[in-house]
Protein backbone atom coordinates (compact mmCIF):
# COMPACT_ATOMS: atom_id res chain seq x y z
CA UNK A 1 -34.28 40.11 -33.09
CA UNK A 2 -37.93 40.12 -33.35
CA UNK A 3 -40.22 40.96 -35.75
CA UNK A 4 -41.64 44.24 -35.85
CA UNK A 5 -38.62 45.78 -33.84
CA UNK A 6 -36.21 48.12 -35.91
CA UNK A 7 -33.37 45.84 -35.61
CA UNK A 8 -35.43 42.71 -36.84
CA UNK A 9 -37.05 44.89 -39.84
CA UNK A 10 -33.81 46.50 -40.89
CA UNK A 11 -32.14 42.66 -40.86
CA UNK A 12 -34.98 41.38 -42.67
CA UNK A 13 -35.11 43.86 -45.89
CA UNK A 14 -31.97 45.92 -45.69
CA UNK A 15 -31.44 48.64 -47.58
CA UNK A 16 -28.88 47.94 -50.83
CA UNK A 17 -25.32 48.80 -50.96
CA UNK A 18 -23.29 49.71 -53.79
CA UNK A 19 -21.44 47.37 -55.62
CA UNK A 20 -18.34 48.87 -57.60
CA UNK A 21 -16.83 46.41 -60.20
CA UNK A 22 -12.81 47.01 -61.71
CA UNK A 23 -11.90 44.91 -64.51
CA UNK A 24 -8.60 44.31 -65.97
CA UNK A 25 -7.65 45.37 -69.73
CA UNK A 26 -4.90 44.06 -71.81
CA UNK A 27 -3.37 46.88 -73.81
CA UNK A 28 -0.03 44.64 -75.18
CA UNK A 29 -1.77 41.77 -75.81
CA UNK A 30 -0.26 41.64 -79.64
CA UNK A 31 3.41 42.53 -78.04
CA UNK A 32 3.23 40.25 -75.41
CA UNK A 33 2.32 37.09 -77.70
CA UNK A 34 5.12 37.80 -79.86
CA UNK A 35 7.42 37.85 -77.05
CA UNK A 36 8.45 41.43 -77.65
CA UNK A 37 7.17 42.27 -73.91
CA UNK A 38 7.78 39.34 -71.23
CA UNK A 39 4.75 41.48 -68.63
CA UNK A 40 1.17 41.78 -69.15
CA UNK A 41 0.31 45.32 -69.35
CA UNK A 42 -3.16 45.85 -67.91
CA UNK A 43 -4.71 48.74 -67.16
CA UNK A 44 -7.86 49.24 -64.82
CA UNK A 45 -11.60 50.00 -66.49
CA UNK A 46 -14.38 51.14 -64.48
CA UNK A 47 -15.67 51.30 -61.71
CA UNK A 48 -18.97 49.72 -63.24
CA UNK A 49 -21.34 50.27 -60.29
CA UNK A 50 -24.10 48.44 -59.50
CA UNK A 51 -26.92 48.04 -56.34
CA UNK A 52 -26.83 44.71 -54.66
CA UNK A 53 -30.01 43.83 -52.91
CA UNK A 54 -30.53 41.87 -50.09
CA UNK A 55 -33.60 40.44 -48.82
CA UNK A 56 -34.10 37.66 -46.03
CA UNK A 57 -36.93 35.12 -46.48
CA UNK A 58 -38.49 31.99 -44.65
CA UNK A 59 -37.63 32.81 -41.46
CA UNK A 60 -37.99 30.47 -38.42
CA UNK A 61 -37.14 30.93 -35.16
CA UNK A 62 -35.47 27.22 -33.24
CA UNK A 63 -36.61 28.23 -29.08
CA UNK A 64 -34.86 24.88 -28.09
CA UNK A 65 -31.69 25.84 -29.49
CA UNK A 66 -31.87 29.84 -29.40
CA UNK A 67 -30.73 30.14 -32.91
CA UNK A 68 -32.79 31.21 -36.14
CA UNK A 69 -32.73 29.89 -39.92
CA UNK A 70 -33.45 32.22 -43.22
CA UNK A 71 -32.71 32.36 -46.68
CA UNK A 72 -30.39 34.99 -48.13
CA UNK A 73 -31.00 36.38 -51.60
CA UNK A 74 -29.14 38.09 -53.08
CA UNK A 75 -29.91 39.96 -56.62
CA UNK A 76 -27.57 43.03 -58.48
CA UNK A 77 -29.35 46.36 -60.34
CA UNK A 78 -26.97 48.71 -63.03
CA UNK A 79 -26.78 52.19 -61.82
CA UNK A 80 -27.72 54.10 -65.23
CA UNK A 81 -27.05 57.38 -63.92
CA UNK A 82 -23.75 56.53 -61.58
CA UNK A 83 -22.06 55.09 -64.93
CA UNK A 84 -19.83 56.70 -67.67
CA UNK A 85 -22.71 56.85 -70.57
CA UNK A 86 -22.59 53.38 -72.91
CA UNK A 87 -19.97 51.79 -70.75
CA UNK A 88 -21.61 48.21 -70.59
CA UNK A 89 -20.75 48.45 -74.92
CA UNK A 90 -17.04 49.79 -74.23
CA UNK A 91 -14.53 47.34 -75.84
CA UNK A 92 -12.04 45.70 -73.89
CA UNK A 93 -9.04 42.84 -74.24
CA UNK A 94 -9.25 40.31 -71.99
CA UNK A 95 -7.23 36.88 -71.07
CA UNK A 96 -9.92 33.78 -72.57
CA UNK A 97 -10.49 32.24 -69.13
CA UNK A 98 -12.53 29.63 -70.40
CA UNK A 99 -9.19 27.90 -72.40
CA UNK A 100 -6.71 29.28 -69.37
CA UNK A 101 -8.83 27.63 -67.06
CA UNK A 102 -8.97 24.12 -68.70
CA UNK A 103 -5.67 24.36 -69.26
CA UNK A 104 -4.83 24.90 -66.19
CA UNK A 105 -6.84 22.37 -64.77
CA UNK A 106 -5.47 19.86 -67.31
CA UNK A 107 -1.67 20.26 -66.54
CA UNK A 108 -1.70 17.41 -64.11
CA UNK A 109 -3.74 15.10 -66.30
CA UNK A 110 -2.93 12.42 -68.35
CA UNK A 111 -1.17 12.48 -71.93
CA UNK A 112 -4.26 11.21 -73.75
CA UNK A 113 -6.56 14.00 -72.63
CA UNK A 114 -3.97 17.56 -73.18
CA UNK A 115 -3.68 15.83 -77.04
CA UNK A 116 -7.57 15.75 -76.78
CA UNK A 117 -7.64 19.53 -75.64
CA UNK A 118 -4.99 20.53 -78.25
CA UNK A 119 -7.41 18.98 -80.74
CA UNK A 120 -9.86 21.11 -79.54
CA UNK A 121 -8.38 24.38 -79.21
CA UNK A 122 -7.43 24.03 -83.29
CA UNK A 123 -10.83 23.39 -83.98
CA UNK A 124 -12.19 26.17 -82.14
CA UNK A 125 -10.24 28.57 -83.72
CA UNK A 126 -10.40 30.95 -80.13
CA UNK A 127 -7.48 33.04 -79.44
CA UNK A 128 -5.86 33.00 -75.77
CA UNK A 129 -7.42 36.92 -75.57
CA UNK A 130 -10.77 37.77 -76.85
CA UNK A 131 -12.37 41.10 -77.63
CA UNK A 132 -15.39 41.41 -76.20
CA UNK A 133 -17.73 44.34 -74.58
CA UNK A 134 -18.13 45.03 -70.75
CA UNK A 135 -21.21 43.79 -70.60
CA UNK A 136 -20.32 40.25 -71.99
CA UNK A 137 -17.36 40.02 -69.84
CA UNK A 138 -19.46 40.24 -66.97
CA UNK A 139 -22.67 38.56 -67.88
CA UNK A 140 -22.70 36.58 -70.86
CA UNK A 141 -19.02 35.05 -71.97
CA UNK A 142 -18.45 31.58 -74.05
CA UNK A 143 -16.64 30.46 -76.78
CA UNK A 144 -16.32 27.68 -79.73
CA UNK A 145 -13.97 25.91 -77.29
CA UNK A 146 -16.51 26.36 -74.31
CA UNK A 147 -19.27 24.81 -77.08
CA UNK A 148 -17.42 22.18 -78.61
CA UNK A 149 -16.28 20.96 -75.08
CA UNK A 150 -19.80 20.78 -73.83
CA UNK A 151 -20.57 18.49 -76.27
CA UNK A 152 -17.14 16.42 -76.59
CA UNK A 153 -16.37 16.53 -72.48
CA UNK A 154 -18.77 17.55 -70.33
CA UNK A 155 -17.84 16.76 -67.95
CA UNK A 156 -15.03 19.68 -68.33
CA UNK A 157 -17.37 22.15 -69.05
CA UNK A 158 -19.51 22.83 -65.95
CA UNK A 159 -20.87 25.67 -67.24
CA UNK A 160 -22.15 26.96 -70.75
CA UNK A 161 -22.16 30.97 -69.39
CA UNK A 162 -18.58 32.38 -67.53
CA UNK A 163 -19.69 35.89 -67.22
CA UNK A 164 -18.48 37.11 -63.66
CA UNK A 165 -21.53 38.33 -62.29
CA UNK A 166 -23.37 35.48 -63.81
CA UNK A 167 -21.55 33.25 -62.31
CA UNK A 168 -21.35 34.63 -59.00
CA UNK A 169 -25.68 35.85 -59.04
CA UNK A 170 -26.96 32.96 -61.07
CA UNK A 171 -27.20 31.31 -57.58
CA UNK A 172 -26.81 33.77 -54.83
CA UNK A 173 -29.53 32.27 -52.77
CA UNK A 174 -28.31 30.59 -49.43
CA UNK A 175 -30.06 28.94 -46.50
CA UNK A 176 -28.27 29.80 -42.95
CA UNK A 177 -28.72 28.95 -39.51
CA UNK A 178 -27.50 31.60 -36.73
CA UNK A 179 -27.09 32.10 -32.82
CA UNK A 180 -29.27 35.10 -31.42
CA UNK A 181 -30.75 33.50 -28.34
CA UNK A 182 -29.29 34.32 -24.78
CA UNK A 183 -27.96 30.95 -24.14
CA UNK A 184 -25.35 31.60 -26.92
CA UNK A 185 -23.93 34.96 -24.70
CA UNK A 186 -23.21 38.33 -26.24
CA UNK A 187 -19.77 36.77 -27.86
CA UNK A 188 -21.75 34.77 -30.09
CA UNK A 189 -24.66 36.63 -31.44
CA UNK A 190 -25.79 36.38 -34.92
CA UNK A 191 -22.60 34.04 -35.79
CA UNK A 192 -23.16 31.50 -37.91
CA UNK A 193 -24.12 27.26 -37.37
CA UNK A 194 -24.63 26.32 -40.96
CA UNK A 195 -24.90 27.51 -43.86
CA UNK A 196 -26.72 25.40 -46.72
CA UNK A 197 -27.03 23.26 -44.23
CA UNK A 198 -23.54 22.24 -43.97
CA UNK A 199 -20.87 23.79 -41.39
CA UNK A 200 -18.22 23.93 -43.99
CA UNK A 201 -17.32 26.48 -47.23
CA UNK A 202 -19.65 25.30 -49.88
CA UNK A 203 -17.34 22.73 -52.36
CA UNK A 204 -15.52 21.51 -49.36
CA UNK A 205 -17.09 17.89 -48.45
CA UNK A 206 -14.66 16.37 -45.53
CA UNK A 207 -16.36 13.06 -46.00
CA UNK A 208 -14.91 12.53 -49.35
CA UNK A 209 -11.55 13.87 -47.98
CA UNK A 210 -11.46 17.40 -48.29
CA UNK A 211 -9.92 20.04 -46.00
CA UNK A 212 -12.53 20.88 -42.87
CA UNK A 213 -13.00 24.29 -44.16
CA UNK A 214 -15.55 26.08 -41.29
CA UNK A 215 -18.13 28.65 -41.84
CA UNK A 216 -18.99 28.35 -38.01
CA UNK A 217 -18.88 31.77 -35.93
CA UNK A 218 -18.53 33.76 -39.20
CA UNK A 219 -21.15 36.59 -39.94
CA UNK A 220 -22.32 38.13 -43.26
CA UNK A 221 -21.91 41.77 -42.23
CA UNK A 222 -25.30 43.14 -41.14
CA UNK A 223 -24.51 42.26 -37.38
CA UNK A 224 -21.36 41.33 -35.72
CA UNK A 225 -20.87 39.70 -31.92
CA UNK A 226 -21.85 42.24 -29.14
CA UNK A 227 -19.81 44.00 -26.29
CA UNK A 228 -16.51 43.65 -28.71
CA UNK A 229 -13.49 44.67 -27.19
CA UNK A 230 -10.01 45.42 -28.33
CA UNK A 231 -9.15 41.99 -28.22
CA UNK A 232 -12.00 40.03 -30.12
CA UNK A 233 -11.48 39.13 -33.68
CA UNK A 234 -14.52 39.16 -35.90
CA UNK A 235 -15.18 36.66 -38.35
CA UNK A 236 -16.66 37.92 -42.21
CA UNK A 237 -18.04 35.54 -44.67
CA UNK A 238 -18.61 36.31 -48.33
CA UNK A 239 -19.30 33.71 -50.25
CA UNK A 240 -17.76 35.13 -53.79
CA UNK A 241 -14.36 34.42 -51.92
CA UNK A 242 -15.17 31.29 -50.86
CA UNK A 243 -13.74 31.43 -47.47
CA UNK A 244 -14.35 33.72 -44.09
CA UNK A 245 -12.11 35.77 -43.34
CA UNK A 246 -10.46 37.56 -39.98
CA UNK A 247 -10.78 40.93 -39.07
CA UNK A 248 -8.53 42.40 -36.08
CA UNK A 249 -8.91 45.70 -33.67
CA UNK A 250 -6.81 49.00 -35.02
CA UNK A 251 -8.57 51.96 -33.14
CA UNK A 252 -11.33 53.58 -31.57
CA UNK A 253 -12.94 55.88 -34.16
CA UNK A 254 -16.45 57.67 -34.24
CA UNK A 255 -19.04 57.97 -36.94
CA UNK A 256 -21.57 60.45 -36.62
CA UNK A 257 -21.21 61.01 -33.10
CA UNK A 258 -21.31 56.72 -32.45
CA UNK A 259 -18.35 55.87 -30.68
CA UNK A 260 -17.01 52.72 -32.54
CA UNK A 261 -14.22 50.13 -32.72
CA UNK A 262 -12.36 49.76 -36.25
CA UNK A 263 -11.33 46.12 -37.02
CA UNK A 264 -9.28 45.77 -40.56
CA UNK A 265 -8.23 42.95 -42.73
CA UNK A 266 -4.58 41.72 -41.87
CA UNK A 267 -2.12 41.72 -44.84
CA UNK A 268 -1.75 37.82 -43.52
CA UNK A 269 -5.37 37.08 -44.21
CA UNK A 270 -4.43 35.32 -48.09
CA UNK A 271 -0.98 33.75 -47.08
CA UNK A 272 -0.53 30.13 -45.80
CA UNK A 273 -0.83 29.29 -42.23
CA UNK A 274 0.96 26.58 -40.02
CA UNK A 275 0.52 23.67 -39.98
CA UNK A 276 0.27 23.76 -43.56
CA UNK A 277 -1.91 20.31 -43.82
CA UNK A 278 -4.25 22.38 -41.90
CA UNK A 279 -4.72 25.52 -44.49
CA UNK A 280 -7.78 25.09 -46.45
CA UNK A 281 -7.30 27.46 -49.17
CA UNK A 282 -3.33 26.47 -50.08
CA UNK A 283 -4.44 24.87 -53.21
CA UNK A 284 -4.52 21.25 -54.29
CA UNK A 285 -1.41 19.46 -55.31
CA UNK A 286 2.29 20.55 -55.50
CA UNK A 287 3.54 23.35 -55.41
CA UNK A 288 1.39 25.36 -53.01
CA UNK A 289 -0.17 28.53 -53.53
CA UNK A 290 1.86 31.47 -52.60
CA UNK A 291 1.43 33.83 -49.43
CA UNK A 292 -0.93 36.23 -50.57
CA UNK A 293 -3.59 33.99 -52.91
CA UNK A 294 -6.06 31.88 -51.41
CA UNK A 295 -7.74 29.10 -53.16
CA UNK A 296 -11.36 29.16 -54.59
CA UNK A 297 -11.61 26.45 -57.10
CA UNK A 298 -13.88 24.50 -54.99
CA UNK A 299 -16.48 27.36 -55.37
CA UNK A 300 -16.28 28.00 -58.79
CA UNK A 301 -16.24 24.60 -60.41
CA UNK A 302 -12.93 23.55 -59.80
CA UNK A 303 -12.02 26.51 -62.28
CA UNK A 304 -8.29 27.72 -60.65
CA UNK A 305 -9.82 30.91 -59.06
CA UNK A 306 -7.49 32.57 -56.68
CA UNK A 307 -8.49 35.30 -54.54
CA UNK A 308 -6.24 38.16 -53.26
CA UNK A 309 -6.76 41.83 -51.95
CA UNK A 310 -6.85 44.12 -54.92
CA UNK A 311 -3.83 45.16 -56.83
CA UNK A 312 -2.00 42.37 -54.48
CA UNK A 313 -1.84 44.95 -51.53
CA UNK A 314 0.98 44.16 -49.40
CA UNK A 315 2.43 40.92 -51.14
CA UNK A 316 4.92 41.00 -53.70
CA UNK A 317 5.15 37.22 -55.09
CA UNK A 318 6.88 36.55 -58.30
CA UNK A 319 4.15 36.74 -60.44
CA UNK A 320 3.50 40.46 -59.35
CA UNK A 321 6.86 41.10 -61.80
CA UNK A 322 5.09 39.62 -64.65
CA UNK A 323 2.51 42.26 -64.82
CA UNK A 324 2.27 45.86 -65.28
CA UNK A 325 -0.35 48.35 -63.73
CA UNK A 326 -0.68 46.87 -60.29
CA UNK A 327 -0.57 49.95 -58.21
CA UNK A 328 -1.65 48.97 -54.71
CA UNK A 329 -2.85 51.22 -51.86
CA UNK A 330 -4.28 50.97 -48.31
CA UNK A 331 -6.80 53.72 -48.93
CA UNK A 332 -8.12 52.45 -52.08
CA UNK A 333 -7.65 48.52 -51.98
CA UNK A 334 -8.36 47.74 -48.21
CA UNK A 335 -10.91 46.30 -46.14
CA UNK A 336 -12.26 47.18 -42.48
CA UNK A 337 -15.43 47.75 -41.04
CA UNK A 338 -16.47 49.77 -37.72
CA UNK A 339 -18.54 48.24 -35.41
CA UNK A 340 -20.05 50.14 -32.46
CA UNK A 341 -19.24 47.53 -29.93
CA UNK A 342 -21.95 47.24 -27.52
CA UNK A 343 -24.95 46.28 -30.16
CA UNK A 344 -22.75 44.89 -32.89
CA UNK A 345 -24.22 47.08 -35.09
CA UNK A 346 -21.38 48.15 -38.06
CA UNK A 347 -21.75 51.67 -38.55
CA UNK A 348 -19.28 51.54 -41.35
CA UNK A 349 -17.23 49.39 -43.91
CA UNK A 350 -15.77 48.12 -47.12
CA UNK A 351 -15.34 44.71 -48.49
CA UNK A 352 -12.85 44.64 -51.14
CA UNK A 353 -11.07 41.56 -53.17
CA UNK A 354 -9.89 40.54 -56.27
CA UNK A 355 -10.61 37.25 -58.33
CA UNK A 356 -7.65 36.00 -60.69
CA UNK A 357 -6.96 33.01 -62.88
CA UNK A 358 -3.62 30.69 -61.44
CA UNK A 359 -1.98 29.02 -64.23
CA UNK A 360 0.19 26.32 -63.32
CA UNK A 361 3.45 25.77 -65.03
CA UNK A 362 2.45 24.39 -68.40
CA UNK A 363 3.56 21.52 -70.22
CA UNK A 364 1.94 19.34 -73.15
CA UNK A 365 0.02 21.81 -74.69
CA UNK A 366 0.97 22.59 -78.41
CA UNK A 367 -0.62 25.86 -78.40
CA UNK A 368 2.97 28.33 -78.18
CA UNK A 369 0.47 31.55 -77.15
CA UNK A 370 -0.76 29.31 -74.20
CA UNK A 371 2.59 28.41 -73.04
CA UNK A 372 3.21 32.36 -72.65
CA UNK A 373 0.96 32.29 -69.66
CA UNK A 374 2.71 29.44 -67.95
CA UNK A 375 3.43 30.05 -64.20
CA UNK A 376 1.60 33.07 -64.40
CA UNK A 377 -1.89 34.67 -61.93
CA UNK A 378 -3.52 36.60 -64.32
CA UNK A 379 -6.11 39.22 -62.54
CA UNK A 380 -9.74 39.13 -63.40
CA UNK A 381 -11.14 41.92 -61.69
CA UNK A 382 -11.75 43.06 -58.22
CA UNK A 383 -14.84 44.28 -56.20
CA UNK A 384 -16.07 47.23 -53.71
CA UNK A 385 -19.03 46.80 -51.81
CA UNK A 386 -18.99 49.63 -49.26
CA UNK A 387 -21.71 50.70 -46.60
CA UNK A 388 -21.21 54.09 -45.39
CA UNK A 389 -24.25 54.99 -43.41
CA UNK A 390 -27.10 53.10 -41.66
CA UNK A 391 -30.99 54.03 -42.08
CA UNK A 392 -32.19 56.99 -40.23
CA UNK A 393 -34.26 54.88 -37.85
CA UNK A 394 -31.08 52.75 -37.15
CA UNK A 395 -28.72 55.64 -36.72
CA UNK A 396 -31.48 57.58 -34.52
CA UNK A 397 -31.96 54.39 -32.14
CA UNK A 398 -27.82 53.95 -32.03
CA UNK A 399 -27.51 57.28 -31.45
CA UNK A 400 -29.91 57.02 -28.22
CA UNK A 401 -28.66 53.34 -27.13
CA UNK A 402 -25.26 53.95 -26.73
CA UNK A 403 -25.36 58.08 -26.28
CA UNK A 404 -28.04 58.84 -25.06
CA UNK A 405 -28.95 56.25 -22.41
CA UNK A 406 -24.95 56.02 -20.82
CA UNK A 407 -25.33 59.91 -20.14
CA UNK A 408 -29.14 59.56 -18.71
CA UNK A 409 -28.75 56.62 -16.51
CA UNK A 410 -26.77 58.02 -13.57
CA UNK A 411 -29.56 60.76 -13.64
CA UNK A 412 -31.96 58.28 -13.99
CA UNK A 413 -30.62 56.48 -11.06
CA UNK A 414 -30.92 59.51 -8.92
CA UNK A 415 -34.58 60.31 -9.42
CA UNK A 416 -35.00 56.85 -9.26
CA UNK A 417 -33.97 56.87 -5.70
CA UNK A 418 -35.19 60.28 -4.67
CA UNK A 419 -38.72 58.85 -6.06
CA UNK A 420 -38.14 55.76 -3.78
CA UNK A 421 -37.07 57.75 -1.15
CA UNK A 422 -40.33 59.86 -1.00
CA UNK A 423 -43.01 57.31 -1.58
CA UNK A 424 -41.30 55.06 1.02
CA UNK A 425 -41.74 58.38 3.31
CA UNK A 426 -44.73 59.17 2.10
CA UNK A 427 -46.05 54.86 3.00
CA UNK A 428 -44.38 55.99 6.66
CA UNK A 429 -46.79 58.92 6.88
CA UNK A 430 -49.45 57.20 5.85
CA UNK A 431 -48.78 54.52 8.41
CA UNK A 432 -48.24 56.88 10.95
CA UNK A 433 -51.48 58.27 10.69
CA UNK A 434 -53.53 55.33 10.41
CA UNK A 435 -52.03 54.30 13.60
CA UNK A 436 -53.05 57.44 15.49
CA UNK A 437 -56.36 56.88 14.34
CA UNK A 438 -56.83 53.70 15.71
CA UNK A 439 -55.40 54.67 19.22
CA UNK A 440 -58.19 57.59 19.18
CA UNK A 441 -61.34 56.19 21.35
CA UNK A 442 -64.40 56.40 19.04
CA UNK A 443 -67.41 57.85 20.31
CA UNK A 444 -70.93 56.80 20.32
């Protein structure tokens, strides 16, 4: 990890990765509000394909503790040629995130605050469903309730635009500090110490009583620790899911002739842990979130966002029974990484997660349409970020280091021994000649 060397230059400006966004569109909103349908019927729209760019800036080496600091900057670019023509202008019907999120946040608030919310909701004429375009849903969402709330109760409206990708990428610039030197050993190479100058997930402040949600020893997925084994556990960090995730070894595989180890995200990733008091992602208050859901509200201005596997893969809580159109599969919705174990370079990886709105059992709200969502988990979208191949230079370097070098090493060792013996014999012969020369009497 030194300037001008291939691993450093590849990491500094890595090739962009494809990001696919799949949106959940509601197809029975009228029947649901009338009570004719007890379940919310949803269908997938997409994928909407973007290219995510990542660059690392302001790089500083700290020789005193064998670490490196840098600023990671992420941005996205819409790929016109890989999307259905006009897909961003396509009309969809989705739950009104601002209404549902604000109601869920106020569920345990004093009664007078709920009265104020009810008055704002009646004044805004906003519906619990929105007819909008995919572009607005991703990049430019607002509503009358948001605009009224921003004027009257600004502490309840921390943002004026809750477009999904706008929210994610408007501040995707973060300072990190990682271990790179020999002092930390192979097993801790490129693991994080600090994220935005703190050892905890953004939004978690232990000094004010929050859970200590650590980011220490996690990586952002461009490099993993070195000399990995079957017992190694990888800790992957992605800001959008508001937590690190652990990946466990499953099998040895080969990618393009390079041997690797496959690590997968287990089914229990978003489950509650024991003891429950140490589970930083159980949600605040009672009841705690069920298995399969992870609280992300601290990363999203307190909005009740929960993360799950796409389509709630391998988790079938009661909330799933209130949804139709959920069809999980390991191949389409599982997350994994295949890593070359000697160097920690990922050969192939896919990170997939789903964002949902968690709605508490609502009470004290006058809008009957709002009450229909009581106790539901409403999917918003899920994302798929995959690295399918390495740049050619890095691929060739990997093949040389992990395929050719071990093969050539015995030959090289044998040739080195032969060369050493020949050099020794040559030296002894020269020494013998010198001794003979000095023993012959010299004439006048």
